[in-house]
């Protein structure tokens, strides 16, 4: 499933900077901790997962995460 992970503002759950765009079947849930090892190590905690279903049947999700 197409997944986009966004950094969220700590006070309002709004999309911020795009951290990653990937295709995965991994079930991402609220409370999961994800690590990004691109430029050093960044740790984030998932605060929201929004699944979108289009008329065409395509499914994708947006993940909001707080930087720890």
N, C-alpha and C. Protein backbone atom coordinates (compact mmCIF):
# COMPACT_ATOMS: atom_id res chain seq x y z
N UNK A 1 0.85 -1.17 0.00
CA UNK A 1 0.00 0.00 0.00
C UNK A 1 0.90 1.24 0.00
N UNK A 2 0.52 2.23 -0.79
CA UNK A 2 1.27 3.47 -0.83
C UNK A 2 1.11 4.16 0.53
N UNK A 3 2.22 4.54 1.12
CA UNK A 3 2.22 5.15 2.45
C UNK A 3 3.09 6.39 2.43
N UNK A 4 2.56 7.49 2.95
CA UNK A 4 3.34 8.72 3.10
C UNK A 4 3.37 9.06 4.57
N UNK A 5 4.58 9.30 5.08
CA UNK A 5 4.76 9.61 6.50
C UNK A 5 5.16 11.08 6.62
N UNK A 6 4.37 11.83 7.39
CA UNK A 6 4.58 13.26 7.57
C UNK A 6 4.93 13.57 9.02
N UNK A 7 5.83 14.53 9.19
CA UNK A 7 6.11 15.04 10.53
C UNK A 7 4.94 15.94 10.93
N UNK A 8 4.45 15.76 12.14
CA UNK A 8 3.31 16.54 12.62
C UNK A 8 3.77 17.63 13.58
N UNK A 9 3.03 18.72 13.61
CA UNK A 9 3.24 19.76 14.60
C UNK A 9 2.88 19.17 15.96
N UNK A 10 3.66 19.42 17.02
CA UNK A 10 3.37 18.80 18.31
C UNK A 10 2.08 19.29 18.98
N UNK A 11 1.55 20.44 18.56
CA UNK A 11 0.37 20.99 19.21
C UNK A 11 -0.91 20.80 18.41
N UNK A 12 -0.80 20.69 17.10
CA UNK A 12 -1.97 20.47 16.25
C UNK A 12 -1.64 19.35 15.27
N UNK A 13 -2.50 18.36 15.14
CA UNK A 13 -2.20 17.24 14.24
C UNK A 13 -2.40 17.62 12.77
N UNK A 14 -1.42 18.33 12.21
CA UNK A 14 -1.47 18.75 10.81
C UNK A 14 -0.24 18.23 10.09
N UNK A 15 -0.38 17.97 8.79
CA UNK A 15 0.74 17.51 7.99
C UNK A 15 1.82 18.58 7.94
N UNK A 16 3.03 18.14 8.19
CA UNK A 16 4.18 19.03 8.06
C UNK A 16 5.08 18.50 6.96
N UNK A 17 6.35 18.42 7.25
CA UNK A 17 7.35 17.96 6.29
C UNK A 17 7.15 16.47 5.97
N UNK A 18 7.26 16.14 4.69
CA UNK A 18 7.18 14.75 4.26
C UNK A 18 8.48 14.05 4.64
N UNK A 19 8.37 12.99 5.47
CA UNK A 19 9.55 12.26 5.93
C UNK A 19 9.88 11.10 4.99
N UNK A 20 8.84 10.43 4.48
CA UNK A 20 9.08 9.28 3.61
C UNK A 20 7.83 8.97 2.80
N UNK A 21 8.05 8.44 1.62
CA UNK A 21 6.99 7.95 0.76
C UNK A 21 7.41 6.55 0.34
N UNK A 22 6.61 5.55 0.66
CA UNK A 22 6.99 4.18 0.39
C UNK A 22 5.78 3.30 0.11
N UNK A 23 6.05 2.11 -0.36
CA UNK A 23 5.01 1.11 -0.60
C UNK A 23 5.30 -0.06 0.32
N UNK A 24 4.36 -0.35 1.24
CA UNK A 24 4.56 -1.40 2.22
C UNK A 24 3.23 -2.00 2.65
N UNK A 25 3.25 -3.26 3.01
CA UNK A 25 2.08 -3.93 3.56
C UNK A 25 2.12 -3.96 5.08
N UNK A 26 3.19 -3.40 5.66
CA UNK A 26 3.32 -3.37 7.12
C UNK A 26 2.15 -2.60 7.72
N UNK A 27 1.55 -3.14 8.76
CA UNK A 27 0.41 -2.50 9.42
C UNK A 27 0.93 -1.47 10.42
N UNK A 28 0.91 -0.23 10.02
CA UNK A 28 1.38 0.86 10.88
C UNK A 28 0.21 1.28 11.76
N UNK A 29 0.46 1.37 13.08
CA UNK A 29 -0.59 1.70 14.03
C UNK A 29 -0.15 2.86 14.92
N UNK A 30 -1.13 3.55 15.49
CA UNK A 30 -0.88 4.63 16.44
C UNK A 30 -0.02 4.07 17.57
N UNK A 31 1.03 4.81 17.94
CA UNK A 31 1.92 4.40 19.00
C UNK A 31 3.18 3.71 18.52
N UNK A 32 3.20 3.26 17.26
CA UNK A 32 4.42 2.63 16.71
C UNK A 32 5.55 3.65 16.70
N UNK A 33 6.76 3.18 16.91
CA UNK A 33 7.94 4.02 16.79
C UNK A 33 8.70 3.61 15.55
N UNK A 34 9.03 4.59 14.73
CA UNK A 34 9.75 4.34 13.48
C UNK A 34 11.10 5.04 13.53
N UNK A 35 12.11 4.43 12.92
CA UNK A 35 13.44 4.99 12.88
C UNK A 35 13.83 5.26 11.43
N UNK A 36 14.37 6.43 11.18
CA UNK A 36 14.88 6.81 9.86
C UNK A 36 16.39 6.96 9.99
N UNK A 37 17.13 6.17 9.22
CA UNK A 37 18.59 6.15 9.33
C UNK A 37 19.28 6.82 8.14
N UNK A 38 18.62 7.75 7.48
CA UNK A 38 19.20 8.42 6.30
C UNK A 38 20.39 9.29 6.68
N UNK A 39 20.13 10.35 7.40
CA UNK A 39 21.18 11.31 7.79
C UNK A 39 21.26 11.29 9.31
N UNK A 40 21.98 10.32 9.85
CA UNK A 40 21.96 10.14 11.29
C UNK A 40 20.74 9.29 11.61
N UNK A 41 20.29 9.33 12.83
CA UNK A 41 19.13 8.52 13.20
C UNK A 41 18.04 9.44 13.74
N UNK A 42 16.84 9.35 13.16
CA UNK A 42 15.70 10.12 13.63
C UNK A 42 14.62 9.13 14.07
N UNK A 43 14.05 9.38 15.24
CA UNK A 43 13.02 8.51 15.80
C UNK A 43 11.71 9.30 15.84
N UNK A 44 10.62 8.67 15.40
CA UNK A 44 9.30 9.31 15.44
C UNK A 44 8.28 8.34 16.02
N UNK A 45 7.21 8.89 16.58
CA UNK A 45 6.11 8.08 17.10
C UNK A 45 4.85 8.40 16.30
N UNK A 46 4.17 7.37 15.82
CA UNK A 46 2.96 7.53 15.02
C UNK A 46 1.82 8.01 15.92
N UNK A 47 1.17 9.11 15.50
CA UNK A 47 0.03 9.63 16.26
C UNK A 47 -1.29 9.48 15.51
N UNK A 48 -1.23 9.23 14.20
CA UNK A 48 -2.45 9.12 13.42
C UNK A 48 -2.18 8.39 12.11
N UNK A 49 -3.11 7.53 11.72
CA UNK A 49 -3.06 6.85 10.43
C UNK A 49 -4.39 7.09 9.74
N UNK A 50 -4.35 7.68 8.56
CA UNK A 50 -5.56 7.98 7.80
C UNK A 50 -5.52 7.18 6.50
N UNK A 51 -6.53 6.34 6.30
CA UNK A 51 -6.62 5.51 5.10
C UNK A 51 -7.59 6.16 4.13
N UNK A 52 -7.18 6.29 2.87
CA UNK A 52 -8.00 6.91 1.84
C UNK A 52 -8.37 5.85 0.81
N UNK A 53 -9.66 5.77 0.47
CA UNK A 53 -10.14 4.85 -0.56
C UNK A 53 -10.74 5.68 -1.69
N UNK A 54 -10.18 5.53 -2.88
CA UNK A 54 -10.67 6.28 -4.04
C UNK A 54 -11.76 5.49 -4.77
N UNK A 55 -12.54 6.17 -5.60
CA UNK A 55 -13.59 5.51 -6.37
C UNK A 55 -13.05 4.39 -7.24
N UNK A 56 -11.81 4.54 -7.69
CA UNK A 56 -11.18 3.53 -8.55
C UNK A 56 -10.82 2.27 -7.77
N UNK A 57 -10.93 2.32 -6.45
CA UNK A 57 -10.57 1.17 -5.63
C UNK A 57 -9.16 1.25 -5.09
N UNK A 58 -8.43 2.26 -5.52
CA UNK A 58 -7.06 2.45 -5.02
C UNK A 58 -7.10 2.86 -3.55
N UNK A 59 -6.19 2.32 -2.77
CA UNK A 59 -6.12 2.62 -1.34
C UNK A 59 -4.72 3.15 -1.02
N UNK A 60 -4.66 4.23 -0.24
CA UNK A 60 -3.38 4.74 0.23
C UNK A 60 -3.58 5.31 1.63
N UNK A 61 -2.48 5.56 2.33
CA UNK A 61 -2.61 6.08 3.69
C UNK A 61 -1.59 7.16 3.95
N UNK A 62 -2.01 8.08 4.84
CA UNK A 62 -1.16 9.15 5.34
C UNK A 62 -0.90 8.86 6.82
N UNK A 63 0.34 8.98 7.23
CA UNK A 63 0.73 8.72 8.61
C UNK A 63 1.28 10.02 9.18
N UNK A 64 0.76 10.44 10.33
CA UNK A 64 1.31 11.61 11.03
C UNK A 64 2.17 11.11 12.18
N UNK A 65 3.36 11.67 12.32
CA UNK A 65 4.29 11.21 13.35
C UNK A 65 4.96 12.39 14.04
N UNK A 66 5.21 12.23 15.34
CA UNK A 66 5.92 13.25 16.12
C UNK A 66 7.38 12.86 16.23
N UNK A 67 8.25 13.81 15.99
CA UNK A 67 9.69 13.60 16.13
C UNK A 67 10.01 13.51 17.62
N UNK A 68 10.78 12.50 18.00
CA UNK A 68 11.15 12.32 19.41
C UNK A 68 12.60 12.71 19.64
